[in-house]
């Protein structure tokens, strides 16, 4: 009698690709809350979890902290996190243009968002975007609907989605050049 492989009958856990678990506007609110409670950093993940309203570093708190890193609002060195220069430009800008440019940059920082912006540039987002995110970008079906909503909300917040169409992102360096008086 052949031995039955017990492990082959267990469903294999499939991990989703990395994605921000919240939208950009909420990520900025958490970044501001972190700064208000802990300063600019550095800080440990458990201290960050408490500063954003969790009793400990739970799965949900960890996802929100990871989202801040996805948007480029936190930088990490070993086990310590610190708010990035991008976060500084958004929370304490030197001009409205600098803040807008930093928000555009942050919205385009997550790898998933970069890929989706490229795919749908100058096109209307499909109503079944969540299925595309799941099938083409390896995001779990259970969370693909929320990931699609967070993407849309982030693009609207950054001004990259007009009437359901992904507009051509303006190069971030172009904004910086205009601020410095260069063509």
N, C-alpha and C. Protein backbone atom coordinates (compact mmCIF):
# COMPACT_ATOMS: atom_id res chain seq x y z
N UNK A 1 0.84 -1.18 0.00
CA UNK A 1 0.00 0.00 0.00
C UNK A 1 0.88 1.25 0.00
N UNK A 2 0.60 2.17 -0.89
CA UNK A 2 1.40 3.39 -1.00
C UNK A 2 1.08 4.35 0.13
N UNK A 3 2.16 5.01 0.61
CA UNK A 3 1.96 6.02 1.64
C UNK A 3 1.28 7.23 1.05
N UNK A 4 0.32 7.73 1.76
CA UNK A 4 -0.39 8.93 1.30
C UNK A 4 0.33 10.14 1.86
N UNK A 5 0.58 11.08 1.00
CA UNK A 5 1.25 12.31 1.42
C UNK A 5 0.20 13.24 2.04
N UNK A 6 0.25 13.36 3.36
CA UNK A 6 -0.74 14.16 4.09
C UNK A 6 -0.64 15.64 3.71
N UNK A 7 0.57 16.11 3.52
CA UNK A 7 0.75 17.53 3.20
C UNK A 7 0.10 17.92 1.89
N UNK A 8 0.02 17.01 0.95
CA UNK A 8 -0.57 17.35 -0.35
C UNK A 8 -2.08 17.58 -0.25
N UNK A 9 -2.72 17.09 0.82
CA UNK A 9 -4.16 17.31 0.97
C UNK A 9 -4.48 18.63 1.66
N UNK A 10 -3.50 19.22 2.32
CA UNK A 10 -3.71 20.52 2.96
C UNK A 10 -3.68 21.61 1.91
N UNK A 11 -4.59 22.57 2.02
CA UNK A 11 -4.54 23.68 1.06
C UNK A 11 -3.28 24.51 1.30
N UNK A 12 -2.60 24.82 0.23
CA UNK A 12 -1.37 25.61 0.33
C UNK A 12 -1.74 27.07 0.51
N UNK A 13 -1.13 27.70 1.48
CA UNK A 13 -1.39 29.11 1.74
C UNK A 13 -0.65 29.95 0.70
N UNK A 14 -1.41 30.77 0.02
CA UNK A 14 -0.83 31.61 -1.01
C UNK A 14 -0.76 33.04 -0.48
N UNK A 15 0.42 33.61 -0.51
CA UNK A 15 0.59 34.99 -0.06
C UNK A 15 0.36 35.94 -1.21
N UNK A 16 -0.29 37.04 -0.90
CA UNK A 16 -0.49 38.08 -1.90
C UNK A 16 0.80 38.83 -2.13
N UNK A 17 0.88 39.48 -3.27
CA UNK A 17 1.98 40.41 -3.52
C UNK A 17 1.83 41.58 -2.56
N UNK A 18 2.89 42.33 -2.40
CA UNK A 18 2.85 43.49 -1.50
C UNK A 18 1.96 44.59 -2.07
N UNK A 19 1.21 45.21 -1.19
CA UNK A 19 0.32 46.30 -1.57
C UNK A 19 0.03 47.12 -0.31
N UNK A 20 -0.29 48.41 -0.46
CA UNK A 20 -0.66 49.19 0.73
C UNK A 20 -2.07 48.81 1.19
N UNK A 21 -2.23 48.55 2.48
CA UNK A 21 -3.50 48.10 3.02
C UNK A 21 -4.48 49.24 3.32
N UNK A 22 -4.05 50.47 3.10
CA UNK A 22 -4.92 51.64 3.28
C UNK A 22 -4.65 52.60 2.13
N UNK A 23 -5.52 53.58 1.96
CA UNK A 23 -5.30 54.55 0.89
C UNK A 23 -4.34 55.65 1.34
N UNK A 24 -3.90 56.45 0.39
CA UNK A 24 -2.89 57.47 0.66
C UNK A 24 -3.37 58.52 1.66
N UNK A 25 -4.60 58.95 1.55
CA UNK A 25 -5.10 59.98 2.48
C UNK A 25 -5.04 59.47 3.92
N UNK A 26 -5.46 58.24 4.16
CA UNK A 26 -5.39 57.68 5.50
C UNK A 26 -3.95 57.42 5.94
N UNK A 27 -3.09 57.07 5.01
CA UNK A 27 -1.68 56.89 5.33
C UNK A 27 -1.07 58.21 5.81
N UNK A 28 -1.46 59.30 5.18
CA UNK A 28 -0.95 60.61 5.60
C UNK A 28 -1.48 60.99 6.97
N UNK A 29 -2.72 60.66 7.26
CA UNK A 29 -3.28 60.94 8.59
C UNK A 29 -2.52 60.16 9.66
N UNK A 30 -2.19 58.90 9.37
CA UNK A 30 -1.42 58.10 10.33
C UNK A 30 -0.01 58.64 10.48
N UNK A 31 0.58 59.10 9.39
CA UNK A 31 1.93 59.66 9.44
C UNK A 31 1.93 60.91 10.33
N UNK A 32 0.92 61.73 10.17
CA UNK A 32 0.79 62.93 10.98
C UNK A 32 0.57 62.56 12.46
N UNK A 33 -0.23 61.55 12.70
CA UNK A 33 -0.48 61.10 14.07
C UNK A 33 0.80 60.56 14.70
N UNK A 34 1.57 59.80 13.93
CA UNK A 34 2.85 59.29 14.43
C UNK A 34 3.77 60.44 14.82
N UNK A 35 3.85 61.42 13.95
CA UNK A 35 4.73 62.56 14.21
C UNK A 35 4.27 63.32 15.45
N UNK A 36 2.97 63.49 15.58
CA UNK A 36 2.44 64.18 16.75
C UNK A 36 2.72 63.45 18.05
N UNK A 37 2.67 62.12 18.02
CA UNK A 37 2.86 61.31 19.23
C UNK A 37 4.31 60.94 19.51
N UNK A 38 5.11 60.74 18.45
CA UNK A 38 6.48 60.24 18.66
C UNK A 38 7.57 61.10 18.03
N UNK A 39 7.20 62.16 17.35
CA UNK A 39 8.20 62.95 16.64
C UNK A 39 8.54 62.31 15.31
N UNK A 40 9.64 62.73 14.74
CA UNK A 40 10.02 62.27 13.41
C UNK A 40 10.65 60.88 13.42
N UNK A 41 11.08 60.44 14.57
CA UNK A 41 11.70 59.12 14.67
C UNK A 41 13.15 59.26 15.05
N UNK A 42 13.85 58.19 15.17
CA UNK A 42 13.47 56.81 14.87
C UNK A 42 12.60 56.20 15.96
N UNK A 43 11.86 55.16 15.56
CA UNK A 43 11.03 54.43 16.50
C UNK A 43 10.86 52.98 16.06
N UNK A 44 10.51 52.16 17.05
CA UNK A 44 10.29 50.73 16.81
C UNK A 44 8.84 50.51 16.40
N UNK A 45 8.59 49.38 15.75
CA UNK A 45 7.24 49.06 15.25
C UNK A 45 6.21 48.99 16.38
N UNK A 46 6.58 48.42 17.52
CA UNK A 46 5.60 48.33 18.61
C UNK A 46 5.22 49.71 19.14
N UNK A 47 6.16 50.63 19.21
CA UNK A 47 5.86 52.01 19.63
C UNK A 47 4.97 52.69 18.60
N UNK A 48 5.21 52.42 17.33
CA UNK A 48 4.38 53.00 16.27
C UNK A 48 2.96 52.47 16.37
N UNK A 49 2.81 51.18 16.62
CA UNK A 49 1.48 50.59 16.73
C UNK A 49 0.69 51.27 17.84
N UNK A 50 1.31 51.49 18.98
CA UNK A 50 0.64 52.16 20.10
C UNK A 50 0.32 53.61 19.75
N UNK A 51 1.23 54.27 19.04
CA UNK A 51 1.03 55.68 18.69
C UNK A 51 -0.12 55.88 17.70
N UNK A 52 -0.43 54.85 16.91
CA UNK A 52 -1.55 54.99 15.97
C UNK A 52 -2.85 54.38 16.50
N UNK A 53 -2.83 54.00 17.80
CA UNK A 53 -4.07 53.60 18.44
C UNK A 53 -4.27 52.12 18.69
N UNK A 54 -3.25 51.29 18.57
CA UNK A 54 -3.36 49.87 18.83
C UNK A 54 -2.64 49.54 20.14
N UNK A 55 -3.15 48.56 20.85
CA UNK A 55 -2.54 48.16 22.12
C UNK A 55 -1.20 47.49 21.95
N UNK A 56 -1.04 46.83 20.81
CA UNK A 56 0.21 46.14 20.52
C UNK A 56 0.37 46.03 19.00
N UNK A 57 1.47 45.45 18.61
CA UNK A 57 1.75 45.27 17.19
C UNK A 57 0.96 44.07 16.68
N UNK A 58 -0.29 44.30 16.30
CA UNK A 58 -1.16 43.25 15.77
C UNK A 58 -0.99 43.19 14.26
N UNK A 59 -1.69 42.24 13.65
CA UNK A 59 -1.64 42.13 12.19
C UNK A 59 -2.12 43.39 11.51
N UNK A 60 -3.22 43.96 11.98
CA UNK A 60 -3.78 45.16 11.38
C UNK A 60 -2.85 46.36 11.55
N UNK A 61 -2.28 46.51 12.74
CA UNK A 61 -1.34 47.61 12.98
C UNK A 61 -0.12 47.44 12.08
N UNK A 62 0.37 46.22 11.96
CA UNK A 62 1.52 45.95 11.09
C UNK A 62 1.24 46.27 9.64
N UNK A 63 0.01 45.98 9.18
CA UNK A 63 -0.37 46.28 7.80
C UNK A 63 -0.38 47.80 7.56
N UNK A 64 -0.89 48.54 8.53
CA UNK A 64 -0.94 49.99 8.37
C UNK A 64 0.45 50.60 8.38
N UNK A 65 1.32 50.10 9.23
CA UNK A 65 2.69 50.58 9.27
C UNK A 65 3.39 50.25 7.95
N UNK A 66 3.16 49.05 7.45
CA UNK A 66 3.74 48.66 6.16
C UNK A 66 3.24 49.57 5.03
N UNK A 67 1.97 49.97 5.10
CA UNK A 67 1.42 50.86 4.07
C UNK A 67 2.16 52.19 4.04
N UNK A 68 2.53 52.69 5.21
CA UNK A 68 3.29 53.95 5.26
C UNK A 68 4.63 53.80 4.53
N UNK A 69 5.24 52.64 4.69
CA UNK A 69 6.49 52.37 3.98
C UNK A 69 6.24 52.22 2.48
N UNK A 70 5.14 51.56 2.09
CA UNK A 70 4.81 51.41 0.66
C UNK A 70 4.68 52.77 -0.01
N UNK A 71 4.08 53.72 0.68
CA UNK A 71 3.90 55.06 0.11
C UNK A 71 5.15 55.93 0.23
N UNK A 72 6.22 55.39 0.80
CA UNK A 72 7.47 56.15 0.92
C UNK A 72 7.46 57.15 2.05
N UNK A 73 6.54 57.00 3.00
CA UNK A 73 6.41 57.95 4.10
C UNK A 73 7.30 57.57 5.29
N UNK A 74 7.75 56.33 5.33
CA UNK A 74 8.67 55.85 6.35
C UNK A 74 9.88 55.25 5.69
N UNK A 75 11.02 55.46 6.29
CA UNK A 75 12.22 54.76 5.84
C UNK A 75 12.67 53.86 6.98
N UNK A 76 13.31 52.77 6.64
CA UNK A 76 13.69 51.78 7.63
C UNK A 76 15.19 51.57 7.61
N UNK A 77 15.76 51.53 8.81
CA UNK A 77 17.18 51.21 8.96
C UNK A 77 17.26 50.17 10.07
N UNK A 78 17.62 48.95 9.72
CA UNK A 78 17.62 47.81 10.64
C UNK A 78 16.20 47.63 11.18
N UNK A 79 16.01 47.71 12.49
CA UNK A 79 14.68 47.54 13.07
C UNK A 79 14.04 48.86 13.47
N UNK A 80 14.60 49.96 13.05
CA UNK A 80 14.07 51.28 13.41
C UNK A 80 13.50 51.98 12.18
N UNK A 81 12.40 52.67 12.39
CA UNK A 81 11.74 53.43 11.33
C UNK A 81 11.84 54.91 11.63
N UNK A 82 11.84 55.68 10.56
CA UNK A 82 11.87 57.13 10.67
C UNK A 82 11.04 57.70 9.55
N UNK A 83 10.44 58.86 9.80
CA UNK A 83 9.68 59.48 8.72
C UNK A 83 10.65 59.97 7.65
N UNK A 84 10.24 59.80 6.41
CA UNK A 84 11.10 60.09 5.26
C UNK A 84 11.07 61.57 4.90
N UNK A 85 11.96 61.96 4.00
CA UNK A 85 11.94 63.33 3.50
C UNK A 85 10.66 63.57 2.69
N UNK A 86 10.12 62.53 2.08
CA UNK A 86 8.84 62.65 1.37
C UNK A 86 7.73 63.02 2.35
N UNK A 87 7.71 62.39 3.52
CA UNK A 87 6.73 62.73 4.56
C UNK A 87 6.92 64.18 5.00
N UNK A 88 8.17 64.60 5.16
CA UNK A 88 8.46 65.99 5.52
C UNK A 88 7.89 66.97 4.49
N UNK A 89 8.07 66.65 3.22
CA UNK A 89 7.60 67.53 2.15
C UNK A 89 6.08 67.63 2.14
N UNK A 90 5.39 66.59 2.58
CA UNK A 90 3.93 66.62 2.60
C UNK A 90 3.42 67.29 3.88
N UNK A 91 3.99 66.93 5.02
CA UNK A 91 3.50 67.45 6.30
C UNK A 91 4.00 68.86 6.59
N UNK A 92 5.19 69.19 6.11
CA UNK A 92 5.79 70.50 6.36
C UNK A 92 6.39 71.05 5.06
N UNK A 93 5.55 71.33 4.08
CA UNK A 93 6.06 71.76 2.77
C UNK A 93 6.58 73.19 2.80
N UNK A 94 7.45 73.49 1.85
CA UNK A 94 7.95 74.87 1.71
C UNK A 94 7.06 75.65 0.75
N UNK A 95 6.21 74.95 -0.01
CA UNK A 95 5.25 75.60 -0.90
C UNK A 95 4.12 74.62 -1.19
N UNK A 96 3.02 75.16 -1.70
CA UNK A 96 1.90 74.28 -2.09
C UNK A 96 2.33 73.35 -3.21
N UNK A 97 3.15 73.87 -4.13
CA UNK A 97 3.63 73.07 -5.25
C UNK A 97 4.50 71.90 -4.77
N UNK A 98 5.33 72.16 -3.78
CA UNK A 98 6.19 71.11 -3.22
C UNK A 98 5.33 70.02 -2.59
N UNK A 99 4.30 70.40 -1.85
CA UNK A 99 3.40 69.43 -1.22
C UNK A 99 2.68 68.61 -2.29
N UNK A 100 2.17 69.28 -3.31
CA UNK A 100 1.46 68.58 -4.37
C UNK A 100 2.39 67.59 -5.09
N UNK A 101 3.58 68.03 -5.37
CA UNK A 101 4.57 67.18 -6.03
C UNK A 101 4.90 65.95 -5.17
N UNK A 102 5.03 66.16 -3.86
CA UNK A 102 5.34 65.05 -2.95
C UNK A 102 4.17 64.07 -2.86
N UNK A 103 2.95 64.58 -2.87
CA UNK A 103 1.77 63.70 -2.86
C UNK A 103 1.72 62.87 -4.14
N UNK A 104 2.00 63.50 -5.28
CA UNK A 104 2.05 62.75 -6.54
C UNK A 104 3.10 61.65 -6.48
N UNK A 105 4.25 61.98 -5.95
CA UNK A 105 5.33 61.00 -5.84
C UNK A 105 4.92 59.84 -4.92
N UNK A 106 4.32 60.18 -3.80
CA UNK A 106 3.90 59.15 -2.84
C UNK A 106 2.85 58.22 -3.45
N UNK A 107 1.91 58.79 -4.20
CA UNK A 107 0.85 57.98 -4.83
C UNK A 107 1.42 57.01 -5.87
N UNK A 108 2.55 57.36 -6.44
CA UNK A 108 3.16 56.52 -7.47
C UNK A 108 4.26 55.61 -6.93
N UNK A 109 4.49 55.61 -5.62
CA UNK A 109 5.57 54.84 -5.02
C UNK A 109 5.28 53.35 -4.85
N UNK A 110 4.09 52.96 -4.38
CA UNK A 110 3.86 51.51 -4.25
C UNK A 110 3.99 50.79 -5.60
N UNK A 111 4.67 49.66 -5.59
CA UNK A 111 4.91 48.93 -6.84
C UNK A 111 3.60 48.59 -7.55
N UNK A 112 2.58 48.13 -6.81
CA UNK A 112 1.30 47.81 -7.42
C UNK A 112 0.72 49.04 -8.10
N UNK A 113 0.79 50.19 -7.44
CA UNK A 113 0.22 51.42 -7.99
C UNK A 113 0.98 51.86 -9.25
N UNK A 114 2.28 51.75 -9.22
CA UNK A 114 3.09 52.08 -10.39
C UNK A 114 2.66 51.23 -11.58
N UNK A 115 2.51 49.94 -11.35
CA UNK A 115 2.11 49.03 -12.43
C UNK A 115 0.71 49.34 -12.95
N UNK A 116 -0.23 49.63 -12.05
CA UNK A 116 -1.60 49.93 -12.46
C UNK A 116 -1.69 51.27 -13.19
N UNK A 117 -0.95 52.26 -12.72
CA UNK A 117 -0.93 53.57 -13.40
C UNK A 117 -0.39 53.42 -14.81
N UNK A 118 0.68 52.65 -14.96
CA UNK A 118 1.26 52.41 -16.28
C UNK A 118 0.27 51.67 -17.18
N UNK A 119 -0.39 50.66 -16.64
CA UNK A 119 -1.32 49.84 -17.42
C UNK A 119 -2.54 50.65 -17.89
N UNK A 120 -3.03 51.53 -17.03
CA UNK A 120 -4.28 52.25 -17.34
C UNK A 120 -4.08 53.73 -17.65
N UNK A 121 -2.86 54.15 -17.92
CA UNK A 121 -2.58 55.55 -18.24
C UNK A 121 -3.48 56.00 -19.40
N UNK A 122 -4.19 57.09 -19.17
CA UNK A 122 -5.11 57.71 -20.14
C UNK A 122 -6.32 56.83 -20.46
N UNK A 123 -6.60 55.85 -19.59
CA UNK A 123 -7.75 54.98 -19.78
C UNK A 123 -8.65 55.04 -18.55
N UNK A 124 -9.91 54.72 -18.76
CA UNK A 124 -10.84 54.62 -17.64
C UNK A 124 -10.53 53.33 -16.87
N UNK A 125 -10.60 53.42 -15.55
CA UNK A 125 -10.40 52.21 -14.76
C UNK A 125 -11.59 51.28 -14.98
N UNK A 126 -11.35 50.01 -15.21
CA UNK A 126 -12.45 49.07 -15.44
C UNK A 126 -13.25 48.83 -14.16
N UNK A 127 -14.52 48.53 -14.32
CA UNK A 127 -15.36 48.24 -13.16
C UNK A 127 -14.92 46.95 -12.46
N UNK A 128 -14.29 46.07 -13.17
CA UNK A 128 -13.80 44.82 -12.58
C UNK A 128 -12.30 44.88 -12.26
N UNK A 129 -11.85 46.07 -11.85
CA UNK A 129 -10.44 46.26 -11.52
C UNK A 129 -9.98 45.27 -10.46
N UNK A 130 -10.84 44.97 -9.51
CA UNK A 130 -10.44 44.03 -8.45
C UNK A 130 -10.07 42.66 -9.02
N UNK A 131 -10.75 42.21 -10.07
CA UNK A 131 -10.40 40.93 -10.69
C UNK A 131 -9.05 41.01 -11.39
N UNK A 132 -8.78 42.13 -12.02
CA UNK A 132 -7.48 42.33 -12.68
C UNK A 132 -6.37 42.33 -11.64
N UNK A 133 -6.62 43.03 -10.53
CA UNK A 133 -5.62 43.07 -9.45
C UNK A 133 -5.35 41.67 -8.92
N UNK A 134 -6.38 40.89 -8.77
CA UNK A 134 -6.23 39.54 -8.27
C UNK A 134 -5.50 38.64 -9.26
N UNK A 135 -5.93 38.64 -10.50
CA UNK A 135 -5.38 37.70 -11.49
C UNK A 135 -4.02 38.13 -12.04
N UNK A 136 -3.86 39.41 -12.33
CA UNK A 136 -2.62 39.85 -12.98
C UNK A 136 -1.54 40.30 -12.01
N UNK A 137 -1.94 40.69 -10.79
CA UNK A 137 -0.97 41.24 -9.86
C UNK A 137 -0.85 40.43 -8.57
N UNK A 138 -1.44 39.23 -8.57
CA UNK A 138 -1.28 38.27 -7.49
C UNK A 138 -1.70 38.82 -6.11
N UNK A 139 -2.84 39.51 -6.10
CA UNK A 139 -3.42 39.97 -4.84
C UNK A 139 -4.58 39.02 -4.53
N UNK A 140 -4.66 38.57 -3.32
CA UNK A 140 -5.70 37.63 -2.90
C UNK A 140 -7.09 38.11 -3.28
N UNK A 141 -7.92 37.18 -3.74
CA UNK A 141 -9.30 37.52 -4.10
C UNK A 141 -10.05 38.14 -2.92
N UNK A 142 -9.75 37.68 -1.70
CA UNK A 142 -10.44 38.19 -0.52
C UNK A 142 -10.21 39.69 -0.30
N UNK A 143 -9.06 40.18 -0.71
CA UNK A 143 -8.74 41.58 -0.44
C UNK A 143 -8.63 42.43 -1.70
N UNK A 144 -8.82 41.83 -2.86
CA UNK A 144 -8.64 42.57 -4.11
C UNK A 144 -9.64 43.73 -4.26
N UNK A 145 -10.86 43.56 -3.76
CA UNK A 145 -11.86 44.63 -3.84
C UNK A 145 -11.39 45.85 -3.04
N UNK A 146 -10.91 45.62 -1.82
CA UNK A 146 -10.42 46.73 -0.99
C UNK A 146 -9.16 47.34 -1.60
N UNK A 147 -8.29 46.52 -2.14
CA UNK A 147 -7.07 47.04 -2.77
C UNK A 147 -7.43 47.94 -3.96
N UNK A 148 -8.44 47.55 -4.72
CA UNK A 148 -8.89 48.36 -5.86
C UNK A 148 -9.49 49.68 -5.38
N UNK A 149 -10.30 49.64 -4.33
CA UNK A 149 -10.89 50.86 -3.78
C UNK A 149 -9.82 51.80 -3.23
N UNK A 150 -8.84 51.24 -2.52
CA UNK A 150 -7.75 52.06 -1.97
C UNK A 150 -6.93 52.70 -3.09
N UNK A 151 -6.71 51.95 -4.17
CA UNK A 151 -5.99 52.49 -5.32
C UNK A 151 -6.75 53.67 -5.92
N UNK A 152 -8.04 53.49 -6.18
CA UNK A 152 -8.86 54.56 -6.75
C UNK A 152 -8.88 55.78 -5.83
N UNK A 153 -9.10 55.55 -4.55
CA UNK A 153 -9.13 56.66 -3.59
C UNK A 153 -7.79 57.40 -3.54
N UNK A 154 -6.71 56.66 -3.59
CA UNK A 154 -5.38 57.27 -3.55
C UNK A 154 -5.14 58.13 -4.78
N UNK A 155 -5.52 57.62 -5.95
CA UNK A 155 -5.34 58.39 -7.18
C UNK A 155 -6.22 59.64 -7.19
N UNK A 156 -7.45 59.52 -6.72
CA UNK A 156 -8.32 60.70 -6.64
C UNK A 156 -7.73 61.73 -5.69
N UNK A 157 -7.24 61.29 -4.54
CA UNK A 157 -6.64 62.19 -3.56
C UNK A 157 -5.44 62.93 -4.15
N UNK A 158 -4.64 62.22 -4.94
CA UNK A 158 -3.43 62.81 -5.54
C UNK A 158 -3.74 63.61 -6.80
N UNK A 159 -4.96 63.53 -7.29
CA UNK A 159 -5.31 64.23 -8.51
C UNK A 159 -4.91 63.49 -9.78
N UNK A 160 -4.72 62.18 -9.67
CA UNK A 160 -4.32 61.37 -10.81
C UNK A 160 -5.48 60.62 -11.45
N UNK A 161 -6.69 60.83 -10.92
CA UNK A 161 -7.87 60.18 -11.48
C UNK A 161 -8.94 61.24 -11.67
N UNK A 162 -9.30 61.48 -12.93
CA UNK A 162 -10.30 62.49 -13.26
C UNK A 162 -11.43 61.82 -14.04
N UNK A 163 -12.63 61.91 -13.51
CA UNK A 163 -13.80 61.30 -14.15
C UNK A 163 -13.58 59.82 -14.45
N UNK A 164 -12.88 59.13 -13.55
CA UNK A 164 -12.64 57.70 -13.70
C UNK A 164 -11.49 57.33 -14.62
N UNK A 165 -10.81 58.35 -15.19
CA UNK A 165 -9.70 58.11 -16.12
C UNK A 165 -8.38 58.44 -15.42
N UNK A 166 -7.40 57.55 -15.56
CA UNK A 166 -6.07 57.79 -15.00
C UNK A 166 -5.38 58.81 -15.90
N UNK A 167 -5.07 59.96 -15.32
CA UNK A 167 -4.43 61.01 -16.12
C UNK A 167 -2.93 60.77 -16.18
N UNK A 168 -2.32 61.40 -17.14
CA UNK A 168 -0.87 61.29 -17.32
C UNK A 168 -0.18 61.91 -16.11
N UNK A 169 0.57 61.12 -15.35
CA UNK A 169 1.26 61.70 -14.20
C UNK A 169 2.33 62.68 -14.65
N UNK A 170 2.41 63.79 -13.96
CA UNK A 170 3.44 64.78 -14.25
C UNK A 170 4.70 64.30 -13.55
N UNK A 171 5.81 64.38 -14.26
CA UNK A 171 7.07 63.95 -13.66
C UNK A 171 7.35 64.79 -12.41
N UNK A 172 7.74 64.12 -11.36
CA UNK A 172 8.01 64.79 -10.10
C UNK A 172 9.13 65.79 -10.26
N UNK A 173 10.16 65.46 -11.02
CA UNK A 173 11.29 66.36 -11.23
C UNK A 173 10.87 67.61 -11.97
N UNK A 174 9.83 67.51 -12.80
CA UNK A 174 9.33 68.66 -13.53
C UNK A 174 8.81 69.72 -12.56
N UNK A 175 8.10 69.30 -11.51
CA UNK A 175 7.61 70.23 -10.49
C UNK A 175 8.77 70.89 -9.77
N UNK A 176 9.76 70.10 -9.39
CA UNK A 176 10.90 70.64 -8.66
C UNK A 176 11.64 71.66 -9.52
N UNK A 177 11.78 71.39 -10.83
CA UNK A 177 12.47 72.32 -11.72
C UNK A 177 11.73 73.63 -11.82
N UNK A 178 10.38 73.57 -11.91
CA UNK A 178 9.58 74.80 -12.01
C UNK A 178 9.71 75.62 -10.74
N UNK A 179 9.77 74.95 -9.59
CA UNK A 179 9.91 75.66 -8.31
C UNK A 179 11.23 76.39 -8.24
N UNK A 180 12.25 75.82 -8.84
CA UNK A 180 13.57 76.42 -8.78
C UNK A 180 13.80 77.39 -9.93
N UNK A 181 12.76 77.66 -10.73
CA UNK A 181 12.86 78.61 -11.82
C UNK A 181 13.51 78.08 -13.06
N UNK A 182 13.64 76.76 -13.18
CA UNK A 182 14.24 76.16 -14.36
C UNK A 182 13.14 75.75 -15.32
N UNK A 183 13.42 75.72 -16.63
CA UNK A 183 12.39 75.33 -17.61
C UNK A 183 11.97 73.90 -17.49
